[in-house]
Amino acid sequence: MRQARRVVLLTLLGLTLVVVAYWTVIFFSQRSLMYPAPPVGGMPERPGPVQQVWLEIPGAKVEAWYLPAASRDPAPLLIYTHGNGELIDLWPPAFAVPQSWGVAALLVEYPGYGRSTGVPTQTSITDASLAAYDWAVKQPGVDPKRIVAHGRDKLRLGAHSGRRDRRVGPLAPAVSLEAAVILVGDLIPFRPMAAIAGAVVGLLLVGLWFALPMWRAGRDRSA
């Protein structure tokens, strides 16, 4: 009986340590998993017609690239926010056709990505999207009534979040989301700290299961 209890205890202890170690690694590496910023080195150079814009947000300066329309003034504008594993440097060629149609584009970087300062968070990303809209409506070449905000990938929620919780005024009349989720927390099906807490509770219960017979045996001997 004692041998069986010892095997069970060692097995459960080993599994608990594995679970705790796994979720500890996930917990401390979650930022790099959510925001895998690619290096700037080796990226295409900014095309000549593209205007570099610096957006001021609390504690950071965020880069954006303005791609003017080939014709039409003022022009409709697409505020484009890329995915969490990309940089704005990659996207100007994709907007050549819309530009030829007379549509301008504003590519907004993540805070902390590329040449931008700051740290990427849901709040700072939303701030950058709001700052991009505020900049765009003041431009004489942009029609403020025809601005569309498009967010790509799971984490690029600035346009959507800003539309729901605008702190300065109304955001873009139209918003488009591609492969997006409403909350960053929806990306994490399990909570690391909850898993660790569950493993610790399980280990304590196993310890009690082994300790109670010993306590009863000691009580009987003393009696």
Protein backbone atom coordinates (compact mmCIF):
# COMPACT_ATOMS: atom_id res chain seq x y z
CA MET A 1 0.00 0.00 0.00
CA ARG A 2 2.78 2.39 0.90
CA GLN A 3 4.62 1.59 -2.33
CA ALA A 4 1.48 2.28 -4.37
CA ARG A 5 0.93 5.57 -2.57
CA ARG A 6 4.53 6.58 -3.21
CA VAL A 7 4.24 5.84 -6.95
CA VAL A 8 1.00 7.81 -7.19
CA LEU A 9 2.51 10.71 -5.26
CA LEU A 10 5.65 10.86 -7.40
CA THR A 11 3.61 10.66 -10.60
CA LEU A 12 1.24 13.44 -9.57
CA LEU A 13 4.15 15.53 -8.31
CA GLY A 14 5.96 15.15 -11.64
CA LEU A 15 2.85 16.05 -13.66
CA THR A 16 2.23 19.08 -11.45
CA LEU A 17 5.78 20.32 -11.93
CA VAL A 18 5.48 19.90 -15.70
CA VAL A 19 2.22 21.87 -15.78
CA VAL A 20 3.63 24.62 -13.55
CA ALA A 21 6.80 24.89 -15.64
CA TYR A 22 4.86 24.96 -18.93
CA TRP A 23 2.46 27.71 -17.89
CA THR A 24 5.24 29.69 -16.24
CA VAL A 25 7.10 29.78 -19.57
CA ILE A 26 3.89 30.77 -21.40
CA PHE A 27 3.13 33.48 -18.84
CA PHE A 28 6.53 35.17 -19.10
CA SER A 29 6.78 34.83 -22.90
CA GLN A 30 3.21 35.84 -23.78
CA ARG A 31 4.20 39.37 -24.85
CA SER A 32 6.72 38.09 -27.39
CA LEU A 33 4.14 35.58 -28.61
CA MET A 34 1.44 38.23 -29.03
CA TYR A 35 3.72 40.90 -30.47
CA PRO A 36 6.45 39.20 -32.55
CA ALA A 37 7.88 42.42 -34.01
CA PRO A 38 10.00 41.64 -37.08
CA PRO A 39 13.38 43.39 -37.46
CA VAL A 40 13.57 46.54 -39.58
CA GLY A 41 16.76 45.40 -41.28
CA GLY A 42 16.17 44.02 -44.75
CA MET A 43 12.79 45.71 -45.17
CA PRO A 44 12.00 47.55 -48.44
CA GLU A 45 12.82 51.26 -48.49
CA ARG A 46 10.02 53.79 -48.24
CA PRO A 47 8.88 54.71 -51.77
CA GLY A 48 9.43 58.31 -52.83
CA PRO A 49 5.77 59.40 -53.08
CA VAL A 50 5.00 58.02 -49.61
CA GLN A 51 4.88 60.63 -46.83
CA GLN A 52 6.26 59.70 -43.42
CA VAL A 53 4.02 60.82 -40.55
CA TRP A 54 4.75 60.77 -36.83
CA LEU A 55 1.76 60.33 -34.52
CA GLU A 56 2.01 61.48 -30.91
CA ILE A 57 0.41 59.20 -28.31
CA PRO A 58 0.99 59.07 -24.53
CA GLY A 59 4.60 58.07 -23.96
CA ALA A 60 5.45 57.26 -27.58
CA LYS A 61 5.81 58.41 -31.17
CA VAL A 62 4.26 56.09 -33.74
CA GLU A 63 5.21 56.07 -37.39
CA ALA A 64 2.63 56.07 -40.18
CA TRP A 65 2.97 56.23 -43.96
CA TYR A 66 0.57 58.29 -46.05
CA LEU A 67 0.03 57.07 -49.60
CA PRO A 68 -1.69 59.84 -51.58
CA ALA A 69 -4.28 59.07 -54.22
CA ALA A 70 -3.21 59.31 -57.84
CA SER A 71 -6.18 61.58 -58.59
CA ARG A 72 -9.24 63.14 -56.97
CA ASP A 73 -8.93 65.82 -54.31
CA PRO A 74 -10.12 65.46 -51.63
CA ALA A 75 -9.87 61.68 -51.82
CA PRO A 76 -11.42 58.89 -49.75
CA LEU A 77 -8.94 57.36 -47.29
CA LEU A 78 -8.29 53.86 -46.02
CA ILE A 79 -6.61 53.77 -42.60
CA TYR A 80 -4.83 50.43 -42.68
CA THR A 81 -3.53 48.68 -39.57
CA HIS A 82 -1.50 45.56 -40.33
CA GLY A 83 -1.11 42.26 -38.49
CA ASN A 84 0.94 41.70 -35.35
CA GLY A 85 3.84 40.03 -37.19
CA GLU A 86 4.37 42.68 -39.88
CA LEU A 87 5.64 46.21 -40.48
CA ILE A 88 4.19 49.03 -42.58
CA ASP A 89 7.31 48.75 -44.76
CA LEU A 90 5.81 45.68 -46.45
CA TRP A 91 2.50 47.17 -47.55
CA PRO A 92 2.85 50.11 -50.00
CA PRO A 93 2.85 47.88 -53.13
CA ALA A 94 -0.49 46.37 -52.09
CA PHE A 95 -2.18 49.79 -52.37
CA ALA A 96 -0.97 50.71 -55.86
CA VAL A 97 -4.28 49.69 -57.45
CA PRO A 98 -6.53 51.52 -54.93
CA GLN A 99 -4.32 54.60 -55.36
CA SER A 100 -4.88 54.45 -59.12
CA TRP A 101 -8.62 54.44 -58.40
CA GLY A 102 -8.25 57.69 -56.47
CA VAL A 103 -8.17 56.21 -52.94
CA ALA A 104 -5.50 57.32 -50.46
CA ALA A 105 -4.14 55.11 -47.68
CA LEU A 106 -2.60 55.67 -44.26
CA LEU A 107 -0.53 52.76 -42.94
CA VAL A 108 -0.28 52.84 -39.14
CA GLU A 109 2.53 51.09 -37.28
CA TYR A 110 2.35 49.28 -33.95
CA PRO A 111 3.83 51.20 -31.00
CA GLY A 112 7.27 49.69 -30.38
CA TYR A 113 7.49 48.21 -33.89
CA GLY A 114 9.95 49.33 -36.54
CA ARG A 115 11.03 52.91 -35.90
CA SER A 116 8.16 53.63 -33.52
CA THR A 117 8.77 54.04 -29.81
CA GLY A 118 6.64 52.79 -26.94
CA VAL A 119 5.24 49.37 -26.08
CA PRO A 120 2.48 47.54 -27.99
CA THR A 121 -0.63 47.08 -25.87
CA GLN A 122 -4.33 47.17 -26.68
CA THR A 123 -4.48 50.70 -25.24
CA SER A 124 -1.45 52.03 -27.13
CA ILE A 125 -2.62 50.43 -30.39
CA THR A 126 -6.02 52.07 -29.96
CA ASP A 127 -4.32 55.40 -29.19
CA ALA A 128 -2.28 55.12 -32.38
CA SER A 129 -5.39 54.41 -34.46
CA LEU A 130 -7.21 57.38 -32.95
CA ALA A 131 -4.19 59.62 -33.55
CA ALA A 132 -4.09 58.46 -37.17
CA TYR A 133 -7.72 59.40 -37.66
CA ASP A 134 -7.20 62.79 -36.00
CA TRP A 135 -4.29 63.47 -38.34
CA ALA A 136 -6.19 62.32 -41.43
CA VAL A 137 -9.27 64.53 -40.97
CA LYS A 138 -7.05 67.62 -40.89
CA GLN A 139 -5.46 66.90 -44.26
CA PRO A 140 -6.76 68.97 -47.19
CA GLY A 141 -6.31 66.03 -49.56
CA VAL A 142 -8.58 63.73 -47.51
CA ASP A 143 -12.37 63.67 -47.52
CA PRO A 144 -13.24 63.27 -43.80
CA LYS A 145 -16.67 61.86 -44.68
CA ARG A 146 -15.15 58.99 -46.65
CA ILE A 147 -12.67 57.38 -44.28
CA VAL A 148 -12.61 53.62 -43.78
CA ALA A 149 -10.56 52.00 -41.01
CA HIS A 150 -9.40 48.47 -41.80
CA GLY A 151 -7.76 46.25 -39.16
CA ARG A 152 -5.99 43.06 -40.21
CA ASP A 153 -5.17 40.00 -38.09
CA LYS A 154 -6.23 38.96 -34.61
CA LEU A 155 -4.55 41.65 -32.55
CA ARG A 156 -5.05 44.74 -34.66
CA LEU A 157 -8.14 46.05 -32.86
CA GLY A 158 -7.36 49.76 -32.64
CA ALA A 159 -9.89 50.84 -35.24
CA HIS A 160 -12.66 48.72 -33.76
CA SER A 161 -11.88 49.62 -30.14
CA GLY A 162 -11.68 53.31 -31.00
CA ARG A 163 -15.05 53.22 -32.71
CA ARG A 164 -16.64 51.67 -29.63
CA ASP A 165 -14.89 53.86 -27.06
CA ARG A 166 -13.98 57.17 -28.69
CA ARG A 167 -12.38 59.58 -26.20
CA VAL A 168 -12.14 62.60 -28.49
CA GLY A 169 -14.97 62.39 -31.00
CA PRO A 170 -16.51 60.01 -33.55
CA LEU A 171 -14.13 57.75 -35.39
CA ALA A 172 -14.30 56.64 -39.02
CA PRO A 173 -17.77 56.26 -40.58
CA ALA A 174 -16.86 52.72 -41.67
CA VAL A 175 -14.75 49.99 -40.06
CA SER A 176 -13.58 46.72 -41.62
CA LEU A 177 -12.00 43.88 -39.62
CA GLU A 178 -10.11 40.96 -41.13
CA ALA A 179 -9.59 37.80 -39.04
CA ALA A 180 -10.07 39.81 -35.85
CA VAL A 181 -11.29 39.06 -32.34
CA ILE A 182 -13.06 41.46 -30.01
CA LEU A 183 -10.74 41.01 -27.01
CA VAL A 184 -7.11 39.96 -26.83
CA GLY A 185 -8.09 37.63 -23.99
CA ASP A 186 -10.15 35.60 -26.46
CA LEU A 187 -6.87 34.41 -27.97
CA ILE A 188 -5.89 32.64 -24.74
CA PRO A 189 -8.19 29.65 -24.11
CA PHE A 190 -6.49 28.89 -20.78
CA ARG A 191 -5.25 31.32 -18.17
CA PRO A 192 -1.69 30.47 -17.02
CA MET A 193 -2.14 31.64 -13.44
CA ALA A 194 -5.44 29.76 -13.14
CA ALA A 195 -3.73 26.59 -14.38
CA ILE A 196 -0.86 27.04 -11.92
CA ALA A 197 -3.30 27.67 -9.06
CA GLY A 198 -5.24 24.54 -10.01
CA ALA A 199 -2.05 22.48 -10.04
CA VAL A 200 -1.04 23.78 -6.62
CA VAL A 201 -4.49 23.01 -5.19
CA GLY A 202 -4.30 19.53 -6.67
CA LEU A 203 -0.90 18.96 -5.10
CA LEU A 204 -2.19 20.09 -1.71
CA LEU A 205 -5.13 17.68 -1.94
CA VAL A 206 -2.78 14.83 -2.80
CA GLY A 207 -0.61 15.79 0.17
CA LEU A 208 -3.64 15.69 2.45
CA TRP A 209 -4.59 12.29 1.05
CA PHE A 210 -1.19 10.96 2.13
CA ALA A 211 -0.99 12.89 5.39
CA LEU A 212 -4.36 11.89 6.85
CA PRO A 213 -3.55 8.17 7.26
CA MET A 214 -0.25 9.09 8.92
CA TRP A 215 -2.04 11.47 11.28
CA ARG A 216 -4.64 8.83 12.15
CA ALA A 217 -1.94 6.20 12.74
CA GLY A 218 -0.06 8.58 15.06
CA ARG A 219 -3.24 9.41 16.95
CA ASP A 220 -4.07 5.72 17.42
CA ARG A 221 -0.56 4.99 18.75
CA SER A 222 -0.72 7.85 21.20
CA ALA A 223 -4.10 6.64 22.42
